[in-house]
Amino acid sequence: IWVMSKFDELSINKPIPDDMIDYCPNLQNEEGPEKFNQNIQLRPFE
């Protein structure tokens, strides 16, 4: 999700935040792939 530029910092000493679920399709709510395949910008290789 970081590679897809959905948030800014991937700190090595920080746990996943409680709002991670908001970044992801919710299968229980029958959400499709839109949260991942819309408005993404892959970070550069470097």
ModelCIF file with pLDDT and N, C-alpha, C, O atoms, coordinates in Angstrom:
data_MODEL
#
_entry.id   MODEL 
#
_entity.id                         1 
_entity.type                       polymer 
_entity.pdbx_number_of_molecules   1 
#
_entity_poly.entity_id                      1 
_entity_poly.type                           'polypeptide(L)' 
_entity_poly.nstd_linkage                   no 
_entity_poly.nstd_monomer                   no 
_entity_poly.pdbx_seq_one_letter_code       IWVMSKFDELSINKPIPDDMIDYCPNLQNEEGPEKFNQNIQLRPFE 
_entity_poly.pdbx_seq_one_letter_code_can   IWVMSKFDELSINKPIPDDMIDYCPNLQNEEGPEKFNQNIQLRPFE 
_entity_poly.pdbx_strand_id                 A 
#
loop_
_entity_poly_seq.entity_id 
_entity_poly_seq.num 
_entity_poly_seq.mon_id 
_entity_poly_seq.hetero 
1 1  ILE n 
1 2  TRP n 
1 3  VAL n 
1 4  MET n 
1 5  SER n 
1 6  LYS n 
1 7  PHE n 
1 8  ASP n 
1 9  GLU n 
1 10 LEU n 
1 11 SER n 
1 12 ILE n 
1 13 ASN n 
1 14 LYS n 
1 15 PRO n 
1 16 ILE n 
1 17 PRO n 
1 18 ASP n 
1 19 ASP n 
1 20 MET n 
1 21 ILE n 
1 22 ASP n 
1 23 TYR n 
1 24 CYS n 
1 25 PRO n 
1 26 ASN n 
1 27 LEU n 
1 28 GLN n 
1 29 ASN n 
1 30 GLU n 
1 31 GLU n 
1 32 GLY n 
1 33 PRO n 
1 34 GLU n 
1 35 LYS n 
1 36 PHE n 
1 37 ASN n 
1 38 GLN n 
1 39 ASN n 
1 40 ILE n 
1 41 GLN n 
1 42 LEU n 
1 43 ARG n 
1 44 PRO n 
1 45 PHE n 
1 46 GLU n 
#
_struct_asym.id          A 
_struct_asym.entity_id   1 
#
loop_
_ma_qa_metric.id 
_ma_qa_metric.mode 
_ma_qa_metric.name 
_ma_qa_metric.software_group_id 
_ma_qa_metric.type 
1 global pLDDT . pLDDT 
2 local  pLDDT . pLDDT 
#
_ma_qa_metric_global.metric_id      1 
_ma_qa_metric_global.metric_value   93.50 
_ma_qa_metric_global.model_id       1 
_ma_qa_metric_global.ordinal_id     1 
#
loop_
_ma_qa_metric_local.label_asym_id 
_ma_qa_metric_local.label_comp_id 
_ma_qa_metric_local.label_seq_id 
_ma_qa_metric_local.metric_id 
_ma_qa_metric_local.metric_value 
_ma_qa_metric_local.model_id 
_ma_qa_metric_local.ordinal_id 
A ILE 1  2 97.00 1 1  
A TRP 2  2 98.00 1 2  
A VAL 3  2 98.00 1 3  
A MET 4  2 96.00 1 4  
A SER 5  2 96.00 1 5  
A LYS 6  2 94.00 1 6  
A PHE 7  2 94.00 1 7  
A ASP 8  2 93.00 1 8  
A GLU 9  2 94.00 1 9  
A LEU 10 2 97.00 1 10 
A SER 11 2 96.00 1 11 
A ILE 12 2 96.00 1 12 
A ASN 13 2 95.00 1 13 
A LYS 14 2 94.00 1 14 
A PRO 15 2 94.00 1 15 
A ILE 16 2 95.00 1 16 
A PRO 17 2 94.00 1 17 
A ASP 18 2 93.00 1 18 
A ASP 19 2 93.00 1 19 
A MET 20 2 95.00 1 20 
A ILE 21 2 93.00 1 21 
A ASP 22 2 93.00 1 22 
A TYR 23 2 94.00 1 23 
A CYS 24 2 96.00 1 24 
A PRO 25 2 95.00 1 25 
A ASN 26 2 94.00 1 26 
A LEU 27 2 93.00 1 27 
A GLN 28 2 90.00 1 28 
A ASN 29 2 90.00 1 29 
A GLU 30 2 87.00 1 30 
A GLU 31 2 91.00 1 31 
A GLY 32 2 90.00 1 32 
A PRO 33 2 93.00 1 33 
A GLU 34 2 93.00 1 34 
A LYS 35 2 93.00 1 35 
A PHE 36 2 94.00 1 36 
A ASN 37 2 89.00 1 37 
A GLN 38 2 85.00 1 38 
A ASN 39 2 84.00 1 39 
A ILE 40 2 87.00 1 40 
A GLN 41 2 92.00 1 41 
A LEU 42 2 95.00 1 42 
A ARG 43 2 97.00 1 43 
A PRO 44 2 97.00 1 44 
A PHE 45 2 97.00 1 45 
A GLU 46 2 97.00 1 46 
#
loop_
_atom_site.group_PDB 
_atom_site.id 
_atom_site.type_symbol 
_atom_site.label_atom_id 
_atom_site.label_alt_id 
_atom_site.label_comp_id 
_atom_site.label_asym_id 
_atom_site.label_entity_id 
_atom_site.label_seq_id 
_atom_site.pdbx_PDB_ins_code 
_atom_site.Cartn_x 
_atom_site.Cartn_y 
_atom_site.Cartn_z 
_atom_site.occupancy 
_atom_site.B_iso_or_equiv 
_atom_site.pdbx_formal_charge 
_atom_site.auth_seq_id 
_atom_site.auth_comp_id 
_atom_site.auth_asym_id 
_atom_site.auth_atom_id 
_atom_site.pdbx_PDB_model_num 
ATOM 1   N N  . ILE A 1 1  ? 0.838   -1.197 0.000   1.00 97.00 ? 1  ILE A N  1 
ATOM 2   C CA . ILE A 1 1  ? 0.000   0.000  0.000   1.00 97.00 ? 1  ILE A CA 1 
ATOM 3   C C  . ILE A 1 1  ? 0.879   1.256  0.000   1.00 97.00 ? 1  ILE A C  1 
ATOM 4   O O  . ILE A 1 1  ? 0.533   2.265  -0.615  1.00 97.00 ? 1  ILE A O  1 
ATOM 5   N N  . TRP A 1 2  ? 2.017   1.184  0.694   1.00 98.00 ? 2  TRP A N  1 
ATOM 6   C CA . TRP A 1 2  ? 2.984   2.295  0.655   1.00 98.00 ? 2  TRP A CA 1 
ATOM 7   C C  . TRP A 1 2  ? 3.542   2.463  -0.748  1.00 98.00 ? 2  TRP A C  1 
ATOM 8   O O  . TRP A 1 2  ? 3.652   3.586  -1.240  1.00 98.00 ? 2  TRP A O  1 
ATOM 9   N N  . VAL A 1 3  ? 3.896   1.358  -1.398  1.00 98.00 ? 3  VAL A N  1 
ATOM 10  C CA . VAL A 1 3  ? 4.418   1.426  -2.763  1.00 98.00 ? 3  VAL A CA 1 
ATOM 11  C C  . VAL A 1 3  ? 3.405   2.096  -3.685  1.00 98.00 ? 3  VAL A C  1 
ATOM 12  O O  . VAL A 1 3  ? 3.790   2.791  -4.625  1.00 98.00 ? 3  VAL A O  1 
ATOM 13  N N  . MET A 1 4  ? 2.125   1.896  -3.429  1.00 96.00 ? 4  MET A N  1 
ATOM 14  C CA . MET A 1 4  ? 1.067   2.496  -4.243  1.00 96.00 ? 4  MET A CA 1 
ATOM 15  C C  . MET A 1 4  ? 0.785   3.948  -3.853  1.00 96.00 ? 4  MET A C  1 
ATOM 16  O O  . MET A 1 4  ? -0.157  4.559  -4.358  1.00 96.00 ? 4  MET A O  1 
ATOM 17  N N  . SER A 1 5  ? 1.611   4.501  -2.943  1.00 96.00 ? 5  SER A N  1 
ATOM 18  C CA . SER A 1 5  ? 1.537   5.921  -2.539  1.00 96.00 ? 5  SER A CA 1 
ATOM 19  C C  . SER A 1 5  ? 0.247   6.281  -1.821  1.00 96.00 ? 5  SER A C  1 
ATOM 20  O O  . SER A 1 5  ? -0.245  7.403  -1.942  1.00 96.00 ? 5  SER A O  1 
ATOM 21  N N  . LYS A 1 6  ? -0.300  5.328  -1.074  1.00 94.00 ? 6  LYS A N  1 
ATOM 22  C CA . LYS A 1 6  ? -1.534  5.598  -0.339  1.00 94.00 ? 6  LYS A CA 1 
ATOM 23  C C  . LYS A 1 6  ? -1.272  6.298  1.001   1.00 94.00 ? 6  LYS A C  1 
ATOM 24  O O  . LYS A 1 6  ? -2.192  6.878  1.578   1.00 94.00 ? 6  LYS A O  1 
ATOM 25  N N  . PHE A 1 7  ? -0.042  6.252  1.498   1.00 94.00 ? 7  PHE A N  1 
ATOM 26  C CA . PHE A 1 7  ? 0.346   6.974  2.710   1.00 94.00 ? 7  PHE A CA 1 
ATOM 27  C C  . PHE A 1 7  ? 1.833   7.286  2.607   1.00 94.00 ? 7  PHE A C  1 
ATOM 28  O O  . PHE A 1 7  ? 2.507   6.807  1.695   1.00 94.00 ? 7  PHE A O  1 
ATOM 29  N N  . ASP A 1 8  ? 2.345   8.083  3.534   1.00 93.00 ? 8  ASP A N  1 
ATOM 30  C CA . ASP A 1 8  ? 3.676   8.666  3.342   1.00 93.00 ? 8  ASP A CA 1 
ATOM 31  C C  . ASP A 1 8  ? 4.829   7.896  3.983   1.00 93.00 ? 8  ASP A C  1 
ATOM 32  O O  . ASP A 1 8  ? 5.867   7.727  3.343   1.00 93.00 ? 8  ASP A O  1 
ATOM 33  N N  . GLU A 1 9  ? 4.689   7.428  5.211   1.00 94.00 ? 9  GLU A N  1 
ATOM 34  C CA . GLU A 1 9  ? 5.829   6.894  5.944   1.00 94.00 ? 9  GLU A CA 1 
ATOM 35  C C  . GLU A 1 9  ? 5.670   5.402  6.238   1.00 94.00 ? 9  GLU A C  1 
ATOM 36  O O  . GLU A 1 9  ? 4.621   4.945  6.690   1.00 94.00 ? 9  GLU A O  1 
ATOM 37  N N  . LEU A 1 10 ? 6.749   4.656  5.966   1.00 97.00 ? 10 LEU A N  1 
ATOM 38  C CA . LEU A 1 10 ? 6.799   3.219  6.280   1.00 97.00 ? 10 LEU A CA 1 
ATOM 39  C C  . LEU A 1 10 ? 7.928   3.000  7.281   1.00 97.00 ? 10 LEU A C  1 
ATOM 40  O O  . LEU A 1 10 ? 8.914   2.321  6.992   1.00 97.00 ? 10 LEU A O  1 
ATOM 41  N N  . SER A 1 11 ? 7.765   3.583  8.451   1.00 96.00 ? 11 SER A N  1 
ATOM 42  C CA . SER A 1 11 ? 8.816   3.555  9.464   1.00 96.00 ? 11 SER A CA 1 
ATOM 43  C C  . SER A 1 11 ? 9.032   2.149  9.992   1.00 96.00 ? 11 SER A C  1 
ATOM 44  O O  . SER A 1 11 ? 8.079   1.409  10.233  1.00 96.00 ? 11 SER A O  1 
ATOM 45  N N  . ILE A 1 12 ? 10.301  1.786  10.171  1.00 96.00 ? 12 ILE A N  1 
ATOM 46  C CA . ILE A 1 12 ? 10.618  0.420  10.596  1.00 96.00 ? 12 ILE A CA 1 
ATOM 47  C C  . ILE A 1 12 ? 10.201  0.144  12.031  1.00 96.00 ? 12 ILE A C  1 
ATOM 48  O O  . ILE A 1 12 ? 10.076  -1.015 12.429  1.00 96.00 ? 12 ILE A O  1 
ATOM 49  N N  . ASN A 1 13 ? 9.986   1.198  12.812  1.00 95.00 ? 13 ASN A N  1 
ATOM 50  C CA . ASN A 1 13 ? 9.636   1.000  14.236  1.00 95.00 ? 13 ASN A CA 1 
ATOM 51  C C  . ASN A 1 13 ? 8.201   1.390  14.544  1.00 95.00 ? 13 ASN A C  1 
ATOM 52  O O  . ASN A 1 13 ? 7.842   1.573  15.707  1.00 95.00 ? 13 ASN A O  1 
ATOM 53  N N  . LYS A 1 14 ? 7.366   1.521  13.498  1.00 94.00 ? 14 LYS A N  1 
ATOM 54  C CA . LYS A 1 14 ? 5.976   1.891  13.722  1.00 94.00 ? 14 LYS A CA 1 
ATOM 55  C C  . LYS A 1 14 ? 5.053   0.749  13.305  1.00 94.00 ? 14 LYS A C  1 
ATOM 56  O O  . LYS A 1 14 ? 5.182   0.222  12.199  1.00 94.00 ? 14 LYS A O  1 
ATOM 57  N N  . PRO A 1 15 ? 4.120   0.360  14.182  1.00 94.00 ? 15 PRO A N  1 
ATOM 58  C CA . PRO A 1 15 ? 3.173   -0.706 13.826  1.00 94.00 ? 15 PRO A CA 1 
ATOM 59  C C  . PRO A 1 15 ? 2.160   -0.214 12.805  1.00 94.00 ? 15 PRO A C  1 
ATOM 60  O O  . PRO A 1 15 ? 2.057   0.985  12.544  1.00 94.00 ? 15 PRO A O  1 
ATOM 61  N N  . ILE A 1 16 ? 1.422   -1.141 12.237  1.00 95.00 ? 16 ILE A N  1 
ATOM 62  C CA . ILE A 1 16 ? 0.333   -0.782 11.330  1.00 95.00 ? 16 ILE A CA 1 
ATOM 63  C C  . ILE A 1 16 ? -0.695  0.048  12.104  1.00 95.00 ? 16 ILE A C  1 
ATOM 64  O O  . ILE A 1 16 ? -1.045  -0.304 13.230  1.00 95.00 ? 16 ILE A O  1 
ATOM 65  N N  . PRO A 1 17 ? -1.180  1.136  11.520  1.00 94.00 ? 17 PRO A N  1 
ATOM 66  C CA . PRO A 1 17 ? -2.167  1.958  12.236  1.00 94.00 ? 17 PRO A CA 1 
ATOM 67  C C  . PRO A 1 17 ? -3.538  1.311  12.256  1.00 94.00 ? 17 PRO A C  1 
ATOM 68  O O  . PRO A 1 17 ? -3.838  0.432  11.448  1.00 94.00 ? 17 PRO A O  1 
ATOM 69  N N  . ASP A 1 18 ? -4.356  1.753  13.180  1.00 93.00 ? 18 ASP A N  1 
ATOM 70  C CA . ASP A 1 18 ? -5.702  1.195  13.311  1.00 93.00 ? 18 ASP A CA 1 
ATOM 71  C C  . ASP A 1 18 ? -6.565  1.451  12.079  1.00 93.00 ? 18 ASP A C  1 
ATOM 72  O O  . ASP A 1 18 ? -7.515  0.713  11.820  1.00 93.00 ? 18 ASP A O  1 
ATOM 73  N N  . ASP A 1 19 ? -6.235  2.496  11.319  1.00 93.00 ? 19 ASP A N  1 
ATOM 74  C CA . ASP A 1 19 ? -7.066  2.824  10.159  1.00 93.00 ? 19 ASP A CA 1 
ATOM 75  C C  . ASP A 1 19 ? -6.611  2.131  8.876   1.00 93.00 ? 19 ASP A C  1 
ATOM 76  O O  . ASP A 1 19 ? -7.046  2.506  7.787   1.00 93.00 ? 19 ASP A O  1 
ATOM 77  N N  . MET A 1 20 ? -5.746  1.131  8.988   1.00 95.00 ? 20 MET A N  1 
ATOM 78  C CA . MET A 1 20 ? -5.342  0.401  7.784   1.00 95.00 ? 20 MET A CA 1 
ATOM 79  C C  . MET A 1 20 ? -6.555  -0.132 7.035   1.00 95.00 ? 20 MET A C  1 
ATOM 80  O O  . MET A 1 20 ? -6.567  -0.161 5.804   1.00 95.00 ? 20 MET A O  1 
ATOM 81  N N  . ILE A 1 21 ? -7.564  -0.549 7.770   1.00 93.00 ? 21 ILE A N  1 
ATOM 82  C CA . ILE A 1 21 ? -8.758  -1.123 7.147   1.00 93.00 ? 21 ILE A CA 1 
ATOM 83  C C  . ILE A 1 21 ? -9.410  -0.153 6.168   1.00 93.00 ? 21 ILE A C  1 
ATOM 84  O O  . ILE A 1 21 ? -10.052 -0.577 5.207   1.00 93.00 ? 21 ILE A O  1 
ATOM 85  N N  . ASP A 1 22 ? -9.247  1.149  6.408   1.00 93.00 ? 22 ASP A N  1 
ATOM 86  C CA . ASP A 1 22 ? -9.866  2.149  5.539   1.00 93.00 ? 22 ASP A CA 1 
ATOM 87  C C  . ASP A 1 22 ? -9.190  2.219  4.168   1.00 93.00 ? 22 ASP A C  1 
ATOM 88  O O  . ASP A 1 22 ? -9.778  2.718  3.209   1.00 93.00 ? 22 ASP A O  1 
ATOM 89  N N  . TYR A 1 23 ? -7.966  1.723  4.078   1.00 94.00 ? 23 TYR A N  1 
ATOM 90  C CA . TYR A 1 23 ? -7.234  1.730  2.819   1.00 94.00 ? 23 TYR A CA 1 
ATOM 91  C C  . TYR A 1 23 ? -7.596  0.533  1.930   1.00 94.00 ? 23 TYR A C  1 
ATOM 92  O O  . TYR A 1 23 ? -7.274  0.514  0.742   1.00 94.00 ? 23 TYR A O  1 
ATOM 93  N N  . CYS A 1 24 ? -8.261  -0.455 2.512   1.00 96.00 ? 24 CYS A N  1 
ATOM 94  C CA . CYS A 1 24 ? -8.433  -1.746 1.845   1.00 96.00 ? 24 CYS A CA 1 
ATOM 95  C C  . CYS A 1 24 ? -9.891  -2.046 1.527   1.00 96.00 ? 24 CYS A C  1 
ATOM 96  O O  . CYS A 1 24 ? -10.787 -1.618 2.255   1.00 96.00 ? 24 CYS A O  1 
ATOM 97  N N  . PRO A 1 25 ? -10.136 -2.784 0.438   1.00 95.00 ? 25 PRO A N  1 
ATOM 98  C CA . PRO A 1 25 ? -11.500 -3.239 0.160   1.00 95.00 ? 25 PRO A CA 1 
ATOM 99  C C  . PRO A 1 25 ? -12.040 -4.083 1.310   1.00 95.00 ? 25 PRO A C  1 
ATOM 100 O O  . PRO A 1 25 ? -11.351 -4.965 1.822   1.00 95.00 ? 25 PRO A O  1 
ATOM 101 N N  . ASN A 1 26 ? -13.270 -3.805 1.709   1.00 94.00 ? 26 ASN A N  1 
ATOM 102 C CA . ASN A 1 26 ? -13.915 -4.544 2.788   1.00 94.00 ? 26 ASN A CA 1 
ATOM 103 C C  . ASN A 1 26 ? -14.779 -5.635 2.166   1.00 94.00 ? 26 ASN A C  1 
ATOM 104 O O  . ASN A 1 26 ? -15.823 -5.346 1.581   1.00 94.00 ? 26 ASN A O  1 
ATOM 105 N N  . LEU A 1 27 ? -14.349 -6.880 2.290   1.00 93.00 ? 27 LEU A N  1 
ATOM 106 C CA . LEU A 1 27 ? -15.071 -7.978 1.650   1.00 93.00 ? 27 LEU A CA 1 
ATOM 107 C C  . LEU A 1 27 ? -16.421 -8.217 2.299   1.00 93.00 ? 27 LEU A C  1 
ATOM 108 O O  . LEU A 1 27 ? -17.368 -8.624 1.626   1.00 93.00 ? 27 LEU A O  1 
ATOM 109 N N  . GLN A 1 28 ? -16.523 -7.969 3.599   1.00 90.00 ? 28 GLN A N  1 
ATOM 110 C CA . GLN A 1 28 ? -17.806 -8.159 4.282   1.00 90.00 ? 28 GLN A CA 1 
ATOM 111 C C  . GLN A 1 28 ? -18.866 -7.206 3.749   1.00 90.00 ? 28 GLN A C  1 
ATOM 112 O O  . GLN A 1 28 ? -20.055 -7.522 3.738   1.00 90.00 ? 28 GLN A O  1 
ATOM 113 N N  . ASN A 1 29 ? -18.417 -6.030 3.306   1.00 90.00 ? 29 ASN A N  1 
ATOM 114 C CA . ASN A 1 29 ? -19.324 -5.045 2.730   1.00 90.00 ? 29 ASN A CA 1 
ATOM 115 C C  . ASN A 1 29 ? -19.418 -5.174 1.211   1.00 90.00 ? 29 ASN A C  1 
ATOM 116 O O  . ASN A 1 29 ? -19.990 -4.323 0.530   1.00 90.00 ? 29 ASN A O  1 
ATOM 117 N N  . GLU A 1 30 ? -18.835 -6.272 0.697   1.00 87.00 ? 30 GLU A N  1 
ATOM 118 C CA . GLU A 1 30 ? -18.868 -6.580 -0.731  1.00 87.00 ? 30 GLU A CA 1 
ATOM 119 C C  . GLU A 1 30 ? -18.242 -5.476 -1.588  1.00 87.00 ? 30 GLU A C  1 
ATOM 120 O O  . GLU A 1 30 ? -18.701 -5.191 -2.694  1.00 87.00 ? 30 GLU A O  1 
ATOM 121 N N  . GLU A 1 31 ? -17.164 -4.853 -1.041  1.00 91.00 ? 31 GLU A N  1 
ATOM 122 C CA . GLU A 1 31 ? -16.455 -3.840 -1.813  1.00 91.00 ? 31 GLU A CA 1 
ATOM 123 C C  . GLU A 1 31 ? -15.578 -4.491 -2.868  1.00 91.00 ? 31 GLU A C  1 
ATOM 124 O O  . GLU A 1 31 ? -14.956 -5.523 -2.616  1.00 91.00 ? 31 GLU A O  1 
ATOM 125 N N  . GLY A 1 32 ? -15.530 -3.898 -4.032  1.00 90.00 ? 32 GLY A N  1 
ATOM 126 C CA . GLY A 1 32 ? -14.690 -4.388 -5.119  1.00 90.00 ? 32 GLY A CA 1 
ATOM 127 C C  . GLY A 1 32 ? -13.257 -3.893 -4.973  1.00 90.00 ? 32 GLY A C  1 
ATOM 128 O O  . GLY A 1 32 ? -12.843 -3.507 -3.880  1.00 90.00 ? 32 GLY A O  1 
ATOM 129 N N  . PRO A 1 33 ? -12.503 -3.901 -6.058  1.00 93.00 ? 33 PRO A N  1 
ATOM 130 C CA . PRO A 1 33 ? -11.079 -3.564 -5.994  1.00 93.00 ? 33 PRO A CA 1 
ATOM 131 C C  . PRO A 1 33 ? -10.766 -2.076 -6.080  1.00 93.00 ? 33 PRO A C  1 
ATOM 132 O O  . PRO A 1 33 ? -9.597  -1.698 -6.152  1.00 93.00 ? 33 PRO A O  1 
ATOM 133 N N  . GLU A 1 34 ? -11.792 -1.220 -6.073  1.00 93.00 ? 34 GLU A N  1 
ATOM 134 C CA . GLU A 1 34 ? -11.590 0.199  -6.387  1.00 93.00 ? 34 GLU A CA 1 
ATOM 135 C C  . GLU A 1 34 ? -10.571 0.899  -5.484  1.00 93.00 ? 34 GLU A C  1 
ATOM 136 O O  . GLU A 1 34 ? -9.830  1.760  -5.959  1.00 93.00 ? 34 GLU A O  1 
ATOM 137 N N  . LYS A 1 35 ? -10.518 0.554  -4.203  1.00 93.00 ? 35 LYS A N  1 
ATOM 138 C CA . LYS A 1 35 ? -9.587  1.238  -3.299  1.00 93.00 ? 35 LYS A CA 1 
ATOM 139 C C  . LYS A 1 35 ? -8.133  1.004  -3.695  1.00 93.00 ? 35 LYS A C  1 
ATOM 140 O O  . LYS A 1 35 ? -7.257  1.801  -3.357  1.00 93.00 ? 35 LYS A O  1 
ATOM 141 N N  . PHE A 1 36 ? -7.879  -0.079 -4.404  1.00 94.00 ? 36 PHE A N  1 
ATOM 142 C CA . PHE A 1 36 ? -6.520  -0.373 -4.835  1.00 94.00 ? 36 PHE A CA 1 
ATOM 143 C C  . PHE A 1 36 ? -6.255  0.005  -6.290  1.00 94.00 ? 36 PHE A C  1 
ATOM 144 O O  . PHE A 1 36 ? -5.130  0.368  -6.631  1.00 94.00 ? 36 PHE A O  1 
ATOM 145 N N  . ASN A 1 37 ? -7.254  -0.070 -7.141  1.00 89.00 ? 37 ASN A N  1 
ATOM 146 C CA . ASN A 1 37 ? -6.952  0.142  -8.558  1.00 89.00 ? 37 ASN A CA 1 
ATOM 147 C C  . ASN A 1 37 ? -7.345  1.513  -9.087  1.00 89.00 ? 37 ASN A C  1 
ATOM 148 O O  . ASN A 1 37 ? -7.224  1.771  -10.284 1.00 89.00 ? 37 ASN A O  1 
ATOM 149 N N  . GLN A 1 38 ? -7.813  2.396  -8.209  1.00 85.00 ? 38 GLN A N  1 
ATOM 150 C CA . GLN A 1 38 ? -8.112  3.758  -8.621  1.00 85.00 ? 38 GLN A CA 1 
ATOM 151 C C  . GLN A 1 38 ? -7.225  4.750  -7.876  1.00 85.00 ? 38 GLN A C  1 
ATOM 152 O O  . GLN A 1 38 ? -6.947  4.586  -6.689  1.00 85.00 ? 38 GLN A O  1 
ATOM 153 N N  . ASN A 1 39 ? -6.791  5.770  -8.588  1.00 84.00 ? 39 ASN A N  1 
ATOM 154 C CA . ASN A 1 39 ? -6.000  6.867  -8.001  1.00 84.00 ? 39 ASN A CA 1 
ATOM 155 C C  . ASN A 1 39 ? -4.730  6.380  -7.307  1.00 84.00 ? 39 ASN A C  1 
ATOM 156 O O  . ASN A 1 39 ? -4.398  6.824  -6.208  1.00 84.00 ? 39 ASN A O  1 
ATOM 157 N N  . ILE A 1 40 ? -4.025  5.456  -7.968  1.00 87.00 ? 40 ILE A N  1 
ATOM 158 C CA . ILE A 1 40 ? -2.743  5.025  -7.400  1.00 87.00 ? 40 ILE A CA 1 
ATOM 159 C C  . ILE A 1 40 ? -1.608  5.589  -8.252  1.00 87.00 ? 40 ILE A C  1 
ATOM 160 O O  . ILE A 1 40 ? -1.763  5.831  -9.449  1.00 87.00 ? 40 ILE A O  1 
ATOM 161 N N  . GLN A 1 41 ? -0.488  5.784  -7.612  1.00 92.00 ? 41 GLN A N  1 
ATOM 162 C CA . GLN A 1 41 ? 0.716   6.242  -8.291  1.00 92.00 ? 41 GLN A CA 1 
ATOM 163 C C  . GLN A 1 41 ? 1.888   5.474  -7.698  1.00 92.00 ? 41 GLN A C  1 
ATOM 164 O O  . GLN A 1 41 ? 2.289   5.731  -6.563  1.00 92.00 ? 41 GLN A O  1 
ATOM 165 N N  . LEU A 1 42 ? 2.436   4.538  -8.455  1.00 95.00 ? 42 LEU A N  1 
ATOM 166 C CA . LEU A 1 42 ? 3.562   3.770  -7.924  1.00 95.00 ? 42 LEU A CA 1 
ATOM 167 C C  . LEU A 1 42 ? 4.744   4.694  -7.640  1.00 95.00 ? 42 LEU A C  1 
ATOM 168 O O  . LEU A 1 42 ? 5.072   5.582  -8.428  1.00 95.00 ? 42 LEU A O  1 
ATOM 169 N N  . ARG A 1 43 ? 5.359   4.460  -6.512  1.00 97.00 ? 43 ARG A N  1 
ATOM 170 C CA . ARG A 1 43 ? 6.569   5.217  -6.195  1.00 97.00 ? 43 ARG A CA 1 
ATOM 171 C C  . ARG A 1 43 ? 7.683   4.835  -7.176  1.00 97.00 ? 43 ARG A C  1 
ATOM 172 O O  . ARG A 1 43 ? 7.690   3.719  -7.696  1.00 97.00 ? 43 ARG A O  1 
ATOM 173 N N  . PRO A 1 44 ? 8.618   5.745  -7.432  1.00 97.00 ? 44 PRO A N  1 
ATOM 174 C CA . PRO A 1 44 ? 9.722   5.443  -8.351  1.00 97.00 ? 44 PRO A CA 1 
ATOM 175 C C  . PRO A 1 44 ? 10.593  4.303  -7.825  1.00 97.00 ? 44 PRO A C  1 
ATOM 176 O O  . PRO A 1 44 ? 10.667  4.060  -6.621  1.00 97.00 ? 44 PRO A O  1 
ATOM 177 N N  . PHE A 1 45 ? 11.240  3.621  -8.743  1.00 97.00 ? 45 PHE A N  1 
ATOM 178 C CA . PHE A 1 45 ? 12.103  2.494  -8.384  1.00 97.00 ? 45 PHE A CA 1 
ATOM 179 C C  . PHE A 1 45 ? 13.086  2.879  -7.289  1.00 97.00 ? 45 PHE A C  1 
ATOM 180 O O  . PHE A 1 45 ? 13.233  2.145  -6.312  1.00 97.00 ? 45 PHE A O  1 
ATOM 181 N N  . GLU A 1 46 ? 13.757  4.008  -7.433  1.00 97.00 ? 46 GLU A N  1 
ATOM 182 C CA . GLU A 1 46 ? 14.800  4.379  -6.472  1.00 97.00 ? 46 GLU A CA 1 
ATOM 183 C C  . GLU A 1 46 ? 14.229  4.542  -5.066  1.00 97.00 ? 46 GLU A C  1 
ATOM 184 O O  . GLU A 1 46 ? 14.968  4.853  -4.132  1.00 97.00 ? 46 GLU A O  1 
#
